[in-house]
Amino acid sequence: MKMLGKMMLVMSVALFAEIASSQENTDQGGTSQIKISSQAGKPDGVENLAYVGNGAKVATASSQNPLDIHKAGGLNDGQYGNSNSWIGCASMDWLKIELAKISAISVFKLGRDRTGVYSDRGIEYIKIEVSTDGKQWKTVFEKDNLKSVEDYSANKTIEIRIAPVDAKFVKVTVNPAGTCIDEFEVYAK
């Protein structure tokens, strides 16, 4: 893993800047970038291809906490926070989101509780796979020991950038058991 720099200036859609740390990884034969940021964003915006309000189907998962506030549907409902999150119950749990149509995607954003209340139940391992048909999957990002990324905190936004790839389905595998994600976002760029 090569450190790109301690600070990186990023312009957001709302035309404001934020300071964030960045690390570069070479995963699955390509270069990907992971960044930790305190900037949450707008999960119910038109740019988020995973949001159900933009035509994506409600997320599904391999397991989920029995409490209504922690069901898979909280992964792409456009709302941050613990009361709208998914908690997996087993090791190597996965979530799937079917986008409205095949799109060239390159950015994923997620976090445990981006309202800043909870910082437990963070992700230690993540693998992101994509598919155009929901049957044949291609791994586009995989990282173990996510907590070792500089500035990692479960209640911050994890932004993962990859080379653009066509996909209609996104599958994300996480560990450990009990991992919580308040929203999983997918963007074209």
N, C-alpha and C. Protein backbone atom coordinates (compact mmCIF):
# COMPACT_ATOMS: atom_id res chain seq x y z
N MET A 1 0.83 -1.16 0.00
CA MET A 1 0.00 0.00 0.00
C MET A 1 0.89 1.23 0.00
N LYS A 2 0.62 2.15 -0.85
CA LYS A 2 1.44 3.34 -1.00
C LYS A 2 0.66 4.54 -0.48
N MET A 3 1.24 5.30 0.40
CA MET A 3 0.60 6.48 0.96
C MET A 3 0.68 7.61 -0.05
N LEU A 4 -0.45 8.14 -0.50
CA LEU A 4 -0.46 9.22 -1.48
C LEU A 4 -0.11 10.56 -0.86
N GLY A 5 -0.51 10.76 0.36
CA GLY A 5 -0.23 12.02 1.01
C GLY A 5 -1.08 12.16 2.25
N LYS A 6 -0.64 12.93 3.19
CA LYS A 6 -1.36 13.04 4.44
C LYS A 6 -2.65 13.82 4.26
N MET A 7 -2.64 14.81 3.41
CA MET A 7 -3.84 15.62 3.21
C MET A 7 -4.14 15.73 1.72
N MET A 8 -5.40 15.70 1.36
CA MET A 8 -5.79 15.81 -0.03
C MET A 8 -7.02 16.69 -0.12
N LEU A 9 -6.99 17.65 -1.00
CA LEU A 9 -8.11 18.56 -1.17
C LEU A 9 -9.10 17.96 -2.15
N VAL A 10 -10.35 17.90 -1.77
CA VAL A 10 -11.37 17.28 -2.60
C VAL A 10 -12.51 18.26 -2.78
N MET A 11 -12.90 18.52 -3.99
CA MET A 11 -14.05 19.39 -4.24
C MET A 11 -15.30 18.52 -4.25
N SER A 12 -16.31 18.93 -3.57
CA SER A 12 -17.55 18.17 -3.53
C SER A 12 -18.54 18.73 -4.52
N VAL A 13 -19.63 18.02 -4.72
CA VAL A 13 -20.68 18.45 -5.62
C VAL A 13 -21.25 19.79 -5.18
N ALA A 14 -21.32 20.02 -3.89
CA ALA A 14 -21.87 21.26 -3.36
C ALA A 14 -20.86 22.40 -3.41
N LEU A 15 -19.75 22.20 -4.11
CA LEU A 15 -18.70 23.20 -4.30
C LEU A 15 -18.05 23.67 -3.01
N PHE A 16 -17.79 22.74 -2.12
CA PHE A 16 -17.01 23.08 -0.95
C PHE A 16 -15.87 22.08 -0.84
N ALA A 17 -14.88 22.45 -0.10
CA ALA A 17 -13.70 21.60 0.01
C ALA A 17 -13.65 20.95 1.37
N GLU A 18 -13.00 19.80 1.42
CA GLU A 18 -12.78 19.13 2.69
C GLU A 18 -11.36 18.59 2.70
N ILE A 19 -10.82 18.38 3.87
CA ILE A 19 -9.50 17.81 3.99
C ILE A 19 -9.66 16.37 4.45
N ALA A 20 -8.99 15.46 3.77
CA ALA A 20 -9.14 14.04 4.09
C ALA A 20 -7.81 13.33 3.82
N SER A 21 -7.60 12.23 4.50
CA SER A 21 -6.41 11.45 4.23
C SER A 21 -6.74 10.42 3.17
N SER A 22 -5.73 9.94 2.48
CA SER A 22 -5.95 9.03 1.37
C SER A 22 -4.87 7.96 1.35
N GLN A 23 -5.26 6.75 0.95
CA GLN A 23 -4.29 5.67 0.75
C GLN A 23 -4.63 5.01 -0.57
N GLU A 24 -3.62 4.54 -1.26
CA GLU A 24 -3.83 3.86 -2.52
C GLU A 24 -3.54 2.38 -2.34
N ASN A 25 -4.39 1.55 -2.92
CA ASN A 25 -4.22 0.11 -2.85
C ASN A 25 -4.22 -0.44 -4.26
N THR A 26 -3.47 -1.49 -4.49
CA THR A 26 -3.56 -2.20 -5.75
C THR A 26 -4.31 -3.49 -5.44
N ASP A 27 -5.54 -3.55 -5.91
CA ASP A 27 -6.40 -4.70 -5.64
C ASP A 27 -6.94 -5.24 -6.95
N GLN A 28 -6.95 -6.55 -7.08
CA GLN A 28 -7.52 -7.23 -8.21
C GLN A 28 -6.97 -6.70 -9.53
N GLY A 29 -5.68 -6.40 -9.56
CA GLY A 29 -5.02 -6.03 -10.80
C GLY A 29 -5.16 -4.56 -11.18
N GLY A 30 -5.85 -3.77 -10.39
CA GLY A 30 -6.02 -2.36 -10.71
C GLY A 30 -5.66 -1.51 -9.53
N THR A 31 -5.76 -0.22 -9.72
CA THR A 31 -5.47 0.69 -8.63
C THR A 31 -6.78 1.22 -8.07
N SER A 32 -6.92 1.18 -6.77
CA SER A 32 -8.09 1.72 -6.11
C SER A 32 -7.61 2.65 -5.02
N GLN A 33 -8.50 3.50 -4.59
CA GLN A 33 -8.15 4.47 -3.56
C GLN A 33 -9.21 4.42 -2.46
N ILE A 34 -8.76 4.48 -1.22
CA ILE A 34 -9.67 4.51 -0.09
C ILE A 34 -9.39 5.77 0.71
N LYS A 35 -10.45 6.45 1.10
CA LYS A 35 -10.33 7.72 1.80
C LYS A 35 -11.31 7.72 2.97
N ILE A 36 -10.90 8.28 4.08
CA ILE A 36 -11.76 8.42 5.25
C ILE A 36 -12.07 9.91 5.39
N SER A 37 -13.34 10.23 5.57
CA SER A 37 -13.75 11.62 5.61
C SER A 37 -14.85 11.83 6.63
N SER A 38 -14.88 12.99 7.24
CA SER A 38 -15.97 13.31 8.16
C SER A 38 -17.16 13.89 7.41
N GLN A 39 -17.02 14.13 6.11
CA GLN A 39 -18.11 14.66 5.29
C GLN A 39 -19.04 13.52 4.90
N ALA A 40 -20.30 13.61 5.27
CA ALA A 40 -21.25 12.53 5.02
C ALA A 40 -21.83 12.57 3.61
N GLY A 41 -22.28 13.69 3.12
CA GLY A 41 -22.87 13.75 1.80
C GLY A 41 -24.38 13.74 1.83
N LYS A 42 -24.98 13.39 0.70
CA LYS A 42 -26.44 13.39 0.55
C LYS A 42 -26.86 12.05 -0.05
N PRO A 43 -27.18 11.05 0.79
CA PRO A 43 -27.45 9.71 0.29
C PRO A 43 -28.72 9.59 -0.54
N ASP A 44 -29.62 10.57 -0.42
CA ASP A 44 -30.88 10.50 -1.17
C ASP A 44 -30.83 11.40 -2.41
N GLY A 45 -29.63 11.78 -2.84
CA GLY A 45 -29.48 12.62 -4.02
C GLY A 45 -29.57 11.83 -5.31
N VAL A 46 -29.78 12.53 -6.42
CA VAL A 46 -29.95 11.87 -7.71
C VAL A 46 -28.68 11.17 -8.19
N GLU A 47 -27.52 11.54 -7.64
CA GLU A 47 -26.27 10.92 -8.08
C GLU A 47 -26.05 9.53 -7.48
N ASN A 48 -26.70 9.22 -6.35
CA ASN A 48 -26.52 7.93 -5.68
C ASN A 48 -27.33 6.85 -6.40
N LEU A 49 -26.65 6.03 -7.18
CA LEU A 49 -27.33 5.01 -7.98
C LEU A 49 -27.90 3.87 -7.13
N ALA A 50 -27.45 3.73 -5.88
CA ALA A 50 -27.94 2.66 -5.00
C ALA A 50 -29.21 3.06 -4.25
N TYR A 51 -29.56 4.32 -4.25
CA TYR A 51 -30.73 4.82 -3.52
C TYR A 51 -32.02 4.33 -4.16
N VAL A 52 -32.93 3.77 -3.34
CA VAL A 52 -34.20 3.25 -3.86
C VAL A 52 -35.02 4.32 -4.57
N GLY A 53 -34.88 5.55 -4.14
CA GLY A 53 -35.61 6.66 -4.79
C GLY A 53 -35.14 6.94 -6.20
N ASN A 54 -34.00 6.36 -6.58
CA ASN A 54 -33.47 6.51 -7.94
C ASN A 54 -33.65 5.24 -8.77
N GLY A 55 -34.52 4.34 -8.31
CA GLY A 55 -34.84 3.15 -9.08
C GLY A 55 -34.14 1.87 -8.66
N ALA A 56 -33.19 1.95 -7.73
CA ALA A 56 -32.54 0.73 -7.25
C ALA A 56 -33.54 -0.08 -6.44
N LYS A 57 -33.35 -1.39 -6.41
CA LYS A 57 -34.21 -2.24 -5.58
C LYS A 57 -33.73 -2.18 -4.13
N VAL A 58 -34.63 -2.48 -3.21
CA VAL A 58 -34.29 -2.51 -1.79
C VAL A 58 -33.19 -3.55 -1.58
N ALA A 59 -32.18 -3.20 -0.81
CA ALA A 59 -31.04 -4.07 -0.56
C ALA A 59 -31.49 -5.37 0.11
N THR A 60 -30.73 -6.44 -0.17
CA THR A 60 -30.93 -7.72 0.49
C THR A 60 -29.61 -8.09 1.18
N ALA A 61 -29.68 -9.05 2.10
CA ALA A 61 -28.47 -9.43 2.85
C ALA A 61 -28.54 -10.90 3.23
N SER A 62 -27.37 -11.46 3.51
CA SER A 62 -27.28 -12.87 3.90
C SER A 62 -27.85 -13.11 5.29
N SER A 63 -27.81 -12.11 6.15
CA SER A 63 -28.45 -12.18 7.46
C SER A 63 -28.70 -10.76 7.93
N GLN A 64 -29.51 -10.63 8.96
CA GLN A 64 -29.76 -9.30 9.51
C GLN A 64 -30.24 -9.41 10.94
N ASN A 65 -30.00 -8.37 11.69
CA ASN A 65 -30.45 -8.27 13.06
C ASN A 65 -31.97 -8.33 13.08
N PRO A 66 -32.59 -8.97 14.07
CA PRO A 66 -34.05 -9.08 14.10
C PRO A 66 -34.79 -7.77 14.37
N LEU A 67 -34.10 -6.76 14.85
CA LEU A 67 -34.77 -5.48 15.11
C LEU A 67 -35.10 -4.78 13.80
N ASP A 68 -36.30 -4.21 13.69
CA ASP A 68 -36.74 -3.55 12.47
C ASP A 68 -35.81 -2.42 12.03
N ILE A 69 -35.16 -1.75 12.96
CA ILE A 69 -34.29 -0.63 12.59
C ILE A 69 -32.96 -1.08 11.99
N HIS A 70 -32.70 -2.40 11.99
CA HIS A 70 -31.43 -2.89 11.47
C HIS A 70 -31.60 -3.90 10.33
N LYS A 71 -32.60 -3.69 9.50
CA LYS A 71 -32.86 -4.56 8.36
C LYS A 71 -32.06 -4.11 7.13
N ALA A 72 -31.94 -4.98 6.15
CA ALA A 72 -31.16 -4.69 4.94
C ALA A 72 -31.71 -3.48 4.19
N GLY A 73 -33.00 -3.22 4.27
CA GLY A 73 -33.59 -2.07 3.59
C GLY A 73 -33.01 -0.74 4.04
N GLY A 74 -32.39 -0.70 5.21
CA GLY A 74 -31.76 0.52 5.68
C GLY A 74 -30.47 0.86 4.95
N LEU A 75 -29.96 -0.07 4.16
CA LEU A 75 -28.71 0.14 3.45
C LEU A 75 -28.81 1.13 2.30
N ASN A 76 -30.00 1.26 1.71
CA ASN A 76 -30.13 2.18 0.57
C ASN A 76 -31.45 2.95 0.60
N ASP A 77 -31.86 3.33 1.83
CA ASP A 77 -33.10 4.09 2.01
C ASP A 77 -32.89 5.61 1.98
N GLY A 78 -31.65 6.04 1.82
CA GLY A 78 -31.36 7.47 1.74
C GLY A 78 -31.25 8.16 3.08
N GLN A 79 -31.10 7.39 4.16
CA GLN A 79 -31.03 7.99 5.49
C GLN A 79 -29.82 7.45 6.26
N TYR A 80 -29.07 8.37 6.85
CA TYR A 80 -27.95 7.99 7.69
C TYR A 80 -28.44 7.75 9.11
N GLY A 81 -27.62 7.07 9.90
CA GLY A 81 -27.88 6.91 11.33
C GLY A 81 -28.20 5.50 11.74
N ASN A 82 -28.06 5.24 13.03
CA ASN A 82 -28.28 3.93 13.60
C ASN A 82 -29.70 3.41 13.38
N SER A 83 -30.68 4.28 13.42
CA SER A 83 -32.08 3.85 13.28
C SER A 83 -32.45 3.47 11.86
N ASN A 84 -31.55 3.64 10.92
CA ASN A 84 -31.78 3.28 9.52
C ASN A 84 -30.58 2.50 8.99
N SER A 85 -30.13 1.53 9.77
CA SER A 85 -28.91 0.81 9.40
C SER A 85 -29.15 -0.68 9.31
N TRP A 86 -28.16 -1.38 8.77
CA TRP A 86 -28.18 -2.84 8.69
C TRP A 86 -27.10 -3.37 9.61
N ILE A 87 -27.44 -4.41 10.36
CA ILE A 87 -26.47 -5.13 11.16
C ILE A 87 -26.51 -6.60 10.73
N GLY A 88 -25.37 -7.08 10.26
CA GLY A 88 -25.26 -8.49 9.91
C GLY A 88 -25.04 -9.33 11.17
N CYS A 89 -25.42 -10.58 11.11
CA CYS A 89 -25.34 -11.44 12.30
C CYS A 89 -24.26 -12.50 12.22
N ALA A 90 -23.63 -12.68 11.08
CA ALA A 90 -22.66 -13.76 10.91
C ALA A 90 -21.35 -13.23 10.33
N SER A 91 -20.31 -14.02 10.48
CA SER A 91 -19.04 -13.69 9.83
C SER A 91 -19.21 -13.74 8.32
N MET A 92 -18.51 -12.87 7.65
CA MET A 92 -18.53 -12.79 6.19
C MET A 92 -19.95 -12.61 5.63
N ASP A 93 -20.74 -11.79 6.30
CA ASP A 93 -22.06 -11.43 5.79
C ASP A 93 -21.93 -10.64 4.50
N TRP A 94 -22.94 -10.72 3.67
CA TRP A 94 -22.94 -9.94 2.45
C TRP A 94 -24.25 -9.17 2.30
N LEU A 95 -24.17 -8.10 1.53
CA LEU A 95 -25.34 -7.34 1.14
C LEU A 95 -25.31 -7.21 -0.37
N LYS A 96 -26.48 -7.10 -0.98
CA LYS A 96 -26.58 -6.93 -2.43
C LYS A 96 -27.54 -5.79 -2.73
N ILE A 97 -27.17 -5.02 -3.74
CA ILE A 97 -28.05 -3.96 -4.23
C ILE A 97 -28.12 -4.09 -5.74
N GLU A 98 -29.35 -4.09 -6.27
CA GLU A 98 -29.57 -4.09 -7.71
C GLU A 98 -29.88 -2.66 -8.13
N LEU A 99 -29.03 -2.11 -8.99
CA LEU A 99 -29.22 -0.76 -9.50
C LEU A 99 -30.35 -0.75 -10.53
N ALA A 100 -30.85 0.43 -10.86
CA ALA A 100 -31.96 0.56 -11.81
C ALA A 100 -31.59 0.06 -13.20
N LYS A 101 -30.32 0.25 -13.59
CA LYS A 101 -29.86 -0.18 -14.91
C LYS A 101 -28.35 -0.39 -14.86
N ILE A 102 -27.82 -1.00 -15.89
CA ILE A 102 -26.37 -1.15 -15.98
C ILE A 102 -25.76 0.24 -16.12
N SER A 103 -24.79 0.52 -15.27
CA SER A 103 -24.13 1.83 -15.25
C SER A 103 -22.64 1.65 -15.06
N ALA A 104 -21.86 2.60 -15.55
CA ALA A 104 -20.43 2.63 -15.29
C ALA A 104 -20.24 3.25 -13.91
N ILE A 105 -19.80 2.46 -12.94
CA ILE A 105 -19.67 2.94 -11.56
C ILE A 105 -18.20 2.96 -11.16
N SER A 106 -17.85 3.86 -10.22
CA SER A 106 -16.45 3.93 -9.80
C SER A 106 -16.26 4.41 -8.37
N VAL A 107 -17.33 4.76 -7.66
CA VAL A 107 -17.21 5.27 -6.30
C VAL A 107 -18.24 4.58 -5.40
N PHE A 108 -17.77 4.15 -4.22
CA PHE A 108 -18.64 3.56 -3.20
C PHE A 108 -18.42 4.34 -1.91
N LYS A 109 -19.50 4.63 -1.19
CA LYS A 109 -19.39 5.31 0.10
C LYS A 109 -20.22 4.54 1.12
N LEU A 110 -19.66 4.41 2.33
CA LEU A 110 -20.36 3.72 3.40
C LEU A 110 -19.81 4.17 4.74
N GLY A 111 -20.55 3.87 5.79
CA GLY A 111 -20.11 4.16 7.14
C GLY A 111 -21.02 3.47 8.14
N ARG A 112 -20.65 3.45 9.39
CA ARG A 112 -21.43 2.79 10.44
C ARG A 112 -22.56 3.69 10.93
N ASP A 113 -22.25 4.92 11.27
CA ASP A 113 -23.27 5.88 11.74
C ASP A 113 -22.76 7.28 11.45
N ARG A 114 -23.11 7.80 10.29
CA ARG A 114 -22.57 9.09 9.88
C ARG A 114 -23.31 10.27 10.49
N THR A 115 -24.19 10.00 11.47
CA THR A 115 -24.72 11.09 12.27
C THR A 115 -23.77 11.36 13.43
N GLY A 116 -22.79 10.47 13.64
CA GLY A 116 -21.74 10.66 14.63
C GLY A 116 -22.06 10.18 16.02
N VAL A 117 -23.18 9.50 16.21
CA VAL A 117 -23.57 9.04 17.55
C VAL A 117 -22.83 7.78 17.96
N TYR A 118 -22.78 6.78 17.06
CA TYR A 118 -22.17 5.49 17.39
C TYR A 118 -20.89 5.28 16.59
N SER A 119 -19.89 4.67 17.23
CA SER A 119 -18.66 4.36 16.51
C SER A 119 -18.23 2.90 16.73
N ASP A 120 -19.14 2.08 17.26
CA ASP A 120 -18.87 0.66 17.44
C ASP A 120 -19.23 -0.10 16.15
N ARG A 121 -19.08 -1.40 16.14
CA ARG A 121 -19.50 -2.27 15.04
C ARG A 121 -18.90 -1.91 13.69
N GLY A 122 -17.65 -1.45 13.70
CA GLY A 122 -16.98 -1.05 12.46
C GLY A 122 -16.58 -2.22 11.59
N ILE A 123 -16.25 -1.92 10.36
CA ILE A 123 -15.84 -2.91 9.37
C ILE A 123 -14.34 -3.17 9.51
N GLU A 124 -13.96 -4.43 9.51
CA GLU A 124 -12.54 -4.80 9.51
C GLU A 124 -12.11 -5.35 8.15
N TYR A 125 -13.04 -6.01 7.47
CA TYR A 125 -12.77 -6.59 6.15
C TYR A 125 -13.90 -6.21 5.22
N ILE A 126 -13.56 -5.87 3.97
CA ILE A 126 -14.58 -5.57 2.97
C ILE A 126 -14.15 -6.09 1.61
N LYS A 127 -15.08 -6.69 0.91
CA LYS A 127 -14.87 -7.10 -0.48
C LYS A 127 -16.07 -6.60 -1.28
N ILE A 128 -15.80 -5.91 -2.39
CA ILE A 128 -16.87 -5.41 -3.25
C ILE A 128 -16.77 -6.13 -4.58
N GLU A 129 -17.90 -6.72 -4.97
CA GLU A 129 -18.00 -7.42 -6.25
C GLU A 129 -19.11 -6.77 -7.07
N VAL A 130 -18.98 -6.83 -8.41
CA VAL A 130 -20.00 -6.28 -9.29
C VAL A 130 -20.38 -7.32 -10.34
N SER A 131 -21.57 -7.12 -10.90
CA SER A 131 -22.07 -8.03 -11.92
C SER A 131 -23.05 -7.27 -12.82
N THR A 132 -23.13 -7.67 -14.07
CA THR A 132 -24.15 -7.09 -14.95
C THR A 132 -25.40 -7.97 -14.99
N ASP A 133 -25.27 -9.24 -14.57
CA ASP A 133 -26.41 -10.16 -14.64
C ASP A 133 -26.82 -10.78 -13.29
N GLY A 134 -26.08 -10.50 -12.22
CA GLY A 134 -26.39 -11.06 -10.91
C GLY A 134 -25.96 -12.50 -10.74
N LYS A 135 -25.23 -13.04 -11.72
CA LYS A 135 -24.78 -14.43 -11.65
C LYS A 135 -23.25 -14.55 -11.67
N GLN A 136 -22.62 -13.82 -12.56
CA GLN A 136 -21.17 -13.84 -12.65
C GLN A 136 -20.63 -12.57 -12.01
N TRP A 137 -19.77 -12.76 -10.99
CA TRP A 137 -19.29 -11.64 -10.19
C TRP A 137 -17.81 -11.38 -10.43
N LYS A 138 -17.44 -10.11 -10.38
CA LYS A 138 -16.06 -9.69 -10.51
C LYS A 138 -15.68 -8.89 -9.27
N THR A 139 -14.61 -9.29 -8.60
CA THR A 139 -14.13 -8.55 -7.44
C THR A 139 -13.42 -7.29 -7.93
N VAL A 140 -13.87 -6.12 -7.42
CA VAL A 140 -13.27 -4.85 -7.82
C VAL A 140 -12.51 -4.18 -6.68
N PHE A 141 -12.74 -4.66 -5.45
CA PHE A 141 -12.02 -4.10 -4.30
C PHE A 141 -12.07 -5.11 -3.17
N GLU A 142 -10.95 -5.25 -2.45
CA GLU A 142 -10.90 -6.12 -1.28
C GLU A 142 -9.84 -5.59 -0.34
N LYS A 143 -10.18 -5.47 0.93
CA LYS A 143 -9.23 -4.96 1.91
C LYS A 143 -9.51 -5.58 3.26
N ASP A 144 -8.46 -6.11 3.88
CA ASP A 144 -8.51 -6.61 5.24
C ASP A 144 -7.87 -5.55 6.14
N ASN A 145 -8.17 -5.60 7.43
CA ASN A 145 -7.61 -4.67 8.40
C ASN A 145 -7.92 -3.21 8.05
N LEU A 146 -9.17 -2.97 7.69
CA LEU A 146 -9.61 -1.63 7.30
C LEU A 146 -9.35 -0.60 8.40
N LYS A 147 -9.39 -1.06 9.65
CA LYS A 147 -9.16 -0.14 10.76
C LYS A 147 -7.74 0.42 10.77
N SER A 148 -6.83 -0.17 9.99
CA SER A 148 -5.47 0.34 9.92
C SER A 148 -5.33 1.54 8.98
N VAL A 149 -6.37 1.83 8.21
CA VAL A 149 -6.33 2.98 7.30
C VAL A 149 -6.28 4.26 8.14
N GLU A 150 -5.39 5.15 7.80
CA GLU A 150 -5.22 6.39 8.55
C GLU A 150 -6.55 7.13 8.70
N ASP A 151 -6.81 7.61 9.90
CA ASP A 151 -8.02 8.38 10.26
C ASP A 151 -9.30 7.54 10.29
N TYR A 152 -9.17 6.19 10.21
CA TYR A 152 -10.38 5.36 10.23
C TYR A 152 -11.16 5.58 11.52
N SER A 153 -12.45 5.73 11.38
CA SER A 153 -13.41 5.74 12.48
C SER A 153 -14.71 5.23 11.90
N ALA A 154 -15.40 4.37 12.61
CA ALA A 154 -16.63 3.76 12.10
C ALA A 154 -17.70 4.80 11.80
N ASN A 155 -17.67 5.95 12.46
CA ASN A 155 -18.72 6.94 12.21
C ASN A 155 -18.32 7.99 11.18
N LYS A 156 -17.25 7.72 10.44
CA LYS A 156 -16.88 8.59 9.32
C LYS A 156 -17.24 7.89 8.01
N THR A 157 -17.19 8.63 6.93
CA THR A 157 -17.48 8.08 5.61
C THR A 157 -16.23 7.41 5.04
N ILE A 158 -16.39 6.17 4.61
CA ILE A 158 -15.35 5.45 3.89
C ILE A 158 -15.69 5.60 2.41
N GLU A 159 -14.79 6.17 1.65
CA GLU A 159 -14.99 6.34 0.21
C GLU A 159 -13.97 5.49 -0.52
N ILE A 160 -14.46 4.64 -1.39
CA ILE A 160 -13.61 3.74 -2.17
C ILE A 160 -13.78 4.10 -3.64
N ARG A 161 -12.66 4.38 -4.30
CA ARG A 161 -12.66 4.70 -5.73
C ARG A 161 -11.94 3.61 -6.49
N ILE A 162 -12.56 3.19 -7.59
CA ILE A 162 -11.99 2.17 -8.46
C ILE A 162 -12.03 2.68 -9.90
N ALA A 163 -11.37 1.98 -10.80
CA ALA A 163 -11.51 2.28 -12.22
C ALA A 163 -12.96 2.00 -12.60
N PRO A 164 -13.57 2.82 -13.47
CA PRO A 164 -14.97 2.60 -13.84
C PRO A 164 -15.21 1.19 -14.37
N VAL A 165 -16.34 0.63 -13.95
CA VAL A 165 -16.72 -0.72 -14.37
C VAL A 165 -18.24 -0.75 -14.54
N ASP A 166 -18.71 -1.47 -15.58
CA ASP A 166 -20.14 -1.60 -15.80
C ASP A 166 -20.74 -2.58 -14.79
N ALA A 167 -21.87 -2.19 -14.20
CA ALA A 167 -22.53 -3.06 -13.22
C ALA A 167 -24.00 -2.72 -13.11
N LYS A 168 -24.80 -3.72 -12.80
CA LYS A 168 -26.19 -3.53 -12.41
C LYS A 168 -26.39 -4.03 -10.98
N PHE A 169 -25.49 -4.92 -10.53
CA PHE A 169 -25.56 -5.50 -9.20
C PHE A 169 -24.25 -5.23 -8.46
N VAL A 170 -24.37 -4.92 -7.17
CA VAL A 170 -23.20 -4.72 -6.31
C VAL A 170 -23.38 -5.63 -5.10
N LYS A 171 -22.36 -6.42 -4.82
CA LYS A 171 -22.36 -7.32 -3.65
C LYS A 171 -21.18 -6.94 -2.77
N VAL A 172 -21.45 -6.76 -1.48
CA VAL A 172 -20.42 -6.35 -0.54
C VAL A 172 -20.37 -7.36 0.60
N THR A 173 -19.21 -7.94 0.82
CA THR A 173 -19.00 -8.89 1.92
C THR A 173 -18.20 -8.17 3.00
N VAL A 174 -18.66 -8.29 4.26
CA VAL A 174 -17.99 -7.62 5.37
C VAL A 174 -17.76 -8.58 6.53
N ASN A 175 -16.82 -8.21 7.37
CA ASN A 175 -16.51 -8.96 8.57
C ASN A 175 -16.08 -7.94 9.61
N PRO A 176 -16.27 -8.13 10.87
CA PRO A 176 -16.73 -9.32 11.59
C PRO A 176 -18.25 -9.38 11.69
N ALA A 177 -18.73 -10.46 12.32
CA ALA A 177 -20.16 -10.56 12.62
C ALA A 177 -20.56 -9.35 13.45
N GLY A 178 -21.74 -8.83 13.20
CA GLY A 178 -22.22 -7.68 13.94
C GLY A 178 -21.83 -6.34 13.32
N THR A 179 -21.19 -6.38 12.15
CA THR A 179 -20.85 -5.14 11.45
C THR A 179 -22.13 -4.37 11.14
N CYS A 180 -22.06 -3.05 11.28
CA CYS A 180 -23.22 -2.19 11.03
C CYS A 180 -22.87 -1.18 9.92
N ILE A 181 -23.77 -1.01 8.97
CA ILE A 181 -23.62 -0.02 7.90
C ILE A 181 -24.91 0.78 7.83
N ASP A 182 -24.78 2.13 7.88
CA ASP A 182 -26.00 2.94 7.86
C ASP A 182 -26.48 3.26 6.45
N GLU A 183 -25.61 3.25 5.49
CA GLU A 183 -26.01 3.51 4.10
C GLU A 183 -24.87 3.07 3.20
N PHE A 184 -25.20 2.40 2.10
CA PHE A 184 -24.21 2.03 1.10
C PHE A 184 -24.56 2.77 -0.17
N GLU A 185 -23.63 3.59 -0.65
CA GLU A 185 -23.88 4.45 -1.79
C GLU A 185 -23.00 4.05 -2.97
N VAL A 186 -23.52 4.23 -4.17
CA VAL A 186 -22.81 3.90 -5.41
C VAL A 186 -22.92 5.09 -6.35
N TYR A 187 -21.78 5.49 -6.92
CA TYR A 187 -21.76 6.66 -7.81
C TYR A 187 -21.01 6.34 -9.10
N ALA A 188 -21.35 7.09 -10.15
CA ALA A 188 -20.69 6.93 -11.43
C ALA A 188 -19.27 7.50 -11.38
N LYS A 189 -19.06 8.58 -10.67
CA LYS A 189 -17.72 9.17 -10.54
C LYS A 189 -17.63 10.03 -9.33
